[in-house]
Amino acid sequence: MNQLSIHKSTKKKLLFIYLIIVFFFYTSALFSQISEGGIPPSFNYPQTLRSGIGMTNVPIDFNIDDLRETGEWNARDGVPMPVSKLIPV
Protein backbone atom coordinates (compact mmCIF):
# COMPACT_ATOMS: atom_id res chain seq x y z
CA MET A 1 0.00 0.00 0.00
CA ASN A 2 2.89 2.35 0.71
CA GLN A 3 4.26 1.97 -2.83
CA LEU A 4 0.84 2.86 -4.22
CA SER A 5 0.75 6.14 -2.29
CA ILE A 6 4.26 7.00 -3.49
CA HIS A 7 3.17 6.28 -7.04
CA LYS A 8 0.14 8.61 -6.69
CA SER A 9 2.36 11.30 -5.21
CA THR A 10 4.76 11.04 -8.16
CA LYS A 11 1.87 11.28 -10.62
CA LYS A 12 0.62 14.40 -8.87
CA LYS A 13 4.07 15.99 -9.02
CA LEU A 14 4.44 15.19 -12.72
CA LEU A 15 0.97 16.56 -13.44
CA PHE A 16 1.80 19.72 -11.51
CA ILE A 17 5.07 20.21 -13.42
CA TYR A 18 3.28 19.59 -16.73
CA LEU A 19 0.59 22.15 -15.88
CA ILE A 20 3.21 24.73 -14.87
CA ILE A 21 5.04 24.26 -18.18
CA VAL A 22 1.82 24.53 -20.20
CA PHE A 23 0.77 27.61 -18.22
CA PHE A 24 4.19 29.24 -18.80
CA PHE A 25 4.06 28.76 -22.57
CA TYR A 26 0.41 29.81 -22.77
CA THR A 27 0.89 33.06 -20.83
CA SER A 28 4.08 33.97 -22.68
CA ALA A 29 2.14 33.72 -25.96
CA LEU A 30 -0.50 36.10 -24.58
CA PHE A 31 2.04 38.86 -23.96
CA SER A 32 3.88 38.52 -27.27
CA GLN A 33 4.01 41.33 -29.80
CA ILE A 34 2.76 40.61 -33.29
CA SER A 35 5.46 41.32 -35.87
CA GLU A 36 4.33 42.99 -39.07
CA GLY A 37 7.80 42.97 -40.61
CA GLY A 38 9.65 45.93 -42.07
CA ILE A 39 11.88 48.56 -40.49
CA PRO A 40 10.68 50.86 -37.69
CA PRO A 41 10.04 54.38 -39.06
CA SER A 42 12.43 55.97 -36.55
CA PHE A 43 15.36 54.14 -38.18
CA ASN A 44 14.89 56.24 -41.34
CA TYR A 45 15.71 59.52 -39.53
CA PRO A 46 19.09 60.70 -38.26
CA GLN A 47 19.75 60.28 -34.57
CA THR A 48 18.62 63.71 -33.45
CA LEU A 49 19.72 63.35 -29.85
CA ARG A 50 23.37 62.92 -30.80
CA SER A 51 23.41 65.30 -33.75
CA GLY A 52 21.61 68.14 -31.97
CA ILE A 53 22.95 71.07 -29.98
CA GLY A 54 25.53 70.30 -27.32
CA MET A 55 25.14 70.76 -23.58
CA THR A 56 23.81 74.11 -22.39
CA ASN A 57 24.43 75.59 -18.95
CA VAL A 58 21.29 77.07 -17.39
CA PRO A 59 21.86 79.66 -14.67
CA ILE A 60 20.04 79.02 -11.39
CA ASP A 61 18.28 82.16 -10.19
CA PHE A 62 17.36 80.95 -6.68
CA ASN A 63 19.20 79.90 -3.55
CA ILE A 64 19.18 76.12 -3.14
CA ASP A 65 19.75 76.29 0.63
CA ASP A 66 16.69 78.55 1.02
CA LEU A 67 14.64 76.11 -1.05
CA ARG A 68 15.70 73.20 1.18
CA GLU A 69 14.99 75.18 4.35
CA THR A 70 11.55 76.19 3.08
CA GLY A 71 10.81 72.58 2.16
CA GLU A 72 11.78 71.36 5.64
CA TRP A 73 9.71 74.13 7.22
CA ASN A 74 6.66 73.14 5.15
CA ALA A 75 7.26 69.45 5.95
CA ARG A 76 6.79 70.21 9.65
CA ASP A 77 3.29 71.44 8.78
CA GLY A 78 2.52 68.23 6.90
CA VAL A 79 3.14 69.60 3.41
CA PRO A 80 5.19 67.22 1.24
CA MET A 81 8.69 68.38 0.41
CA PRO A 82 9.16 69.62 -3.16
CA VAL A 83 10.66 67.16 -5.62
CA SER A 84 11.72 69.68 -8.23
CA LYS A 85 11.67 73.36 -9.14
CA LEU A 86 10.57 74.71 -12.50
CA ILE A 87 13.39 76.65 -14.13
CA PRO A 88 12.34 78.74 -17.14
CA VAL A 89 14.79 78.31 -20.00
C-alpha atoms as a PDB file:
ATOM      1  CA  MET A   1       0.000   0.000   0.000  1.00  0.00           C
ATOM      2  CA  ASN A   2       2.892   2.353   0.714  1.00  0.00           C
ATOM      3  CA  GLN A   3       4.262   1.968  -2.833  1.00  0.00           C
ATOM      4  CA  LEU A   4       0.835   2.862  -4.223  1.00  0.00           C
ATOM      5  CA  SER A   5       0.746   6.138  -2.286  1.00  0.00           C
ATOM      6  CA  ILE A   6       4.259   7.004  -3.491  1.00  0.00           C
ATOM      7  CA  HIS A   7       3.166   6.284  -7.041  1.00  0.00           C
ATOM      8  CA  LYS A   8       0.141   8.609  -6.688  1.00  0.00           C
ATOM      9  CA  SER A   9       2.363  11.298  -5.209  1.00  0.00           C
ATOM     10  CA  THR A  10       4.759  11.038  -8.158  1.00  0.00           C
ATOM     11  CA  LYS A  11       1.871  11.279 -10.616  1.00  0.00           C
ATOM     12  CA  LYS A  12       0.616  14.404  -8.866  1.00  0.00           C
ATOM     13  CA  LYS A  13       4.070  15.986  -9.021  1.00  0.00           C
ATOM     14  CA  LEU A  14       4.442  15.193 -12.718  1.00  0.00           C
ATOM     15  CA  LEU A  15       0.972  16.561 -13.442  1.00  0.00           C
ATOM     16  CA  PHE A  16       1.799  19.719 -11.508  1.00  0.00           C
ATOM     17  CA  ILE A  17       5.071  20.209 -13.420  1.00  0.00           C
ATOM     18  CA  TYR A  18       3.278  19.593 -16.728  1.00  0.00           C
ATOM     19  CA  LEU A  19       0.594  22.155 -15.880  1.00  0.00           C
ATOM     20  CA  ILE A  20       3.208  24.727 -14.866  1.00  0.00           C
ATOM     21  CA  ILE A  21       5.044  24.262 -18.177  1.00  0.00           C
ATOM     22  CA  VAL A  22       1.824  24.528 -20.202  1.00  0.00           C
ATOM     23  CA  PHE A  23       0.771  27.611 -18.224  1.00  0.00           C
ATOM     24  CA  PHE A  24       4.189  29.240 -18.803  1.00  0.00           C
ATOM     25  CA  PHE A  25       4.057  28.762 -22.568  1.00  0.00           C
ATOM     26  CA  TYR A  26       0.414  29.812 -22.766  1.00  0.00           C
ATOM     27  CA  THR A  27       0.889  33.062 -20.830  1.00  0.00           C
ATOM     28  CA  SER A  28       4.084  33.971 -22.682  1.00  0.00           C
ATOM     29  CA  ALA A  29       2.140  33.721 -25.957  1.00  0.00           C
ATOM     30  CA  LEU A  30      -0.501  36.101 -24.578  1.00  0.00           C
ATOM     31  CA  PHE A  31       2.042  38.864 -23.956  1.00  0.00           C
ATOM     32  CA  SER A  32       3.878  38.518 -27.268  1.00  0.00           C
ATOM     33  CA  GLN A  33       4.010  41.334 -29.801  1.00  0.00           C
ATOM     34  CA  ILE A  34       2.760  40.606 -33.286  1.00  0.00           C
ATOM     35  CA  SER A  35       5.457  41.320 -35.869  1.00  0.00           C
ATOM     36  CA  GLU A  36       4.327  42.990 -39.071  1.00  0.00           C
ATOM     37  CA  GLY A  37       7.804  42.971 -40.607  1.00  0.00           C
ATOM     38  CA  GLY A  38       9.646  45.933 -42.075  1.00  0.00           C
ATOM     39  CA  ILE A  39      11.880  48.558 -40.493  1.00  0.00           C
ATOM     40  CA  PRO A  40      10.680  50.857 -37.695  1.00  0.00           C
ATOM     41  CA  PRO A  41      10.038  54.377 -39.061  1.00  0.00           C
ATOM     42  CA  SER A  42      12.427  55.970 -36.553  1.00  0.00           C
ATOM     43  CA  PHE A  43      15.357  54.140 -38.181  1.00  0.00           C
ATOM     44  CA  ASN A  44      14.886  56.238 -41.339  1.00  0.00           C
ATOM     45  CA  TYR A  45      15.706  59.524 -39.534  1.00  0.00           C
ATOM     46  CA  PRO A  46      19.089  60.703 -38.256  1.00  0.00           C
ATOM     47  CA  GLN A  47      19.745  60.278 -34.572  1.00  0.00           C
ATOM     48  CA  THR A  48      18.622  63.712 -33.454  1.00  0.00           C
ATOM     49  CA  LEU A  49      19.721  63.345 -29.851  1.00  0.00           C
ATOM     50  CA  ARG A  50      23.367  62.923 -30.796  1.00  0.00           C
ATOM     51  CA  SER A  51      23.410  65.300 -33.752  1.00  0.00           C
ATOM     52  CA  GLY A  52      21.614  68.138 -31.971  1.00  0.00           C
ATOM     53  CA  ILE A  53      22.947  71.071 -29.980  1.00  0.00           C
ATOM     54  CA  GLY A  54      25.530  70.303 -27.322  1.00  0.00           C
ATOM     55  CA  MET A  55      25.136  70.757 -23.579  1.00  0.00           C
ATOM     56  CA  THR A  56      23.806  74.114 -22.385  1.00  0.00           C
ATOM     57  CA  ASN A  57      24.431  75.589 -18.945  1.00  0.00           C
ATOM     58  CA  VAL A  58      21.295  77.066 -17.394  1.00  0.00           C
ATOM     59  CA  PRO A  59      21.861  79.660 -14.665  1.00  0.00           C
ATOM     60  CA  ILE A  60      20.042  79.019 -11.394  1.00  0.00           C
ATOM     61  CA  ASP A  61      18.280  82.164 -10.188  1.00  0.00           C
ATOM     62  CA  PHE A  62      17.364  80.949  -6.681  1.00  0.00           C
ATOM     63  CA  ASN A  63      19.198  79.902  -3.550  1.00  0.00           C
ATOM     64  CA  ILE A  64      19.181  76.117  -3.145  1.00  0.00           C
ATOM     65  CA  ASP A  65      19.748  76.293   0.627  1.00  0.00           C
ATOM     66  CA  ASP A  66      16.692  78.553   1.019  1.00  0.00           C
ATOM     67  CA  LEU A  67      14.637  76.111  -1.053  1.00  0.00           C
ATOM     68  CA  ARG A  68      15.701  73.203   1.183  1.00  0.00           C
ATOM     69  CA  GLU A  69      14.985  75.176   4.349  1.00  0.00           C
ATOM     70  CA  THR A  70      11.547  76.195   3.083  1.00  0.00           C
ATOM     71  CA  GLY A  71      10.811  72.580   2.159  1.00  0.00           C
ATOM     72  CA  GLU A  72      11.776  71.360   5.640  1.00  0.00           C
ATOM     73  CA  TRP A  73       9.712  74.134   7.217  1.00  0.00           C
ATOM     74  CA  ASN A  74       6.655  73.136   5.151  1.00  0.00           C
ATOM     75  CA  ALA A  75       7.264  69.447   5.951  1.00  0.00           C
ATOM     76  CA  ARG A  76       6.786  70.206   9.652  1.00  0.00           C
ATOM     77  CA  ASP A  77       3.287  71.436   8.784  1.00  0.00           C
ATOM     78  CA  GLY A  78       2.524  68.229   6.900  1.00  0.00           C
ATOM     79  CA  VAL A  79       3.143  69.597   3.407  1.00  0.00           C
ATOM     80  CA  PRO A  80       5.187  67.218   1.236  1.00  0.00           C
ATOM     81  CA  MET A  81       8.695  68.376   0.410  1.00  0.00           C
ATOM     82  CA  PRO A  82       9.164  69.621  -3.163  1.00  0.00           C
ATOM     83  CA  VAL A  83      10.659  67.165  -5.618  1.00  0.00           C
ATOM     84  CA  SER A  84      11.717  69.680  -8.226  1.00  0.00           C
ATOM     85  CA  LYS A  85      11.669  73.362  -9.141  1.00  0.00           C
ATOM     86  CA  LEU A  86      10.569  74.708 -12.497  1.00  0.00           C
ATOM     87  CA  ILE A  87      13.393  76.651 -14.129  1.00  0.00           C
ATOM     88  CA  PRO A  88      12.336  78.740 -17.135  1.00  0.00           C
ATOM     89  CA  VAL A  89      14.786  78.310 -20.000  1.00  0.00           C
END
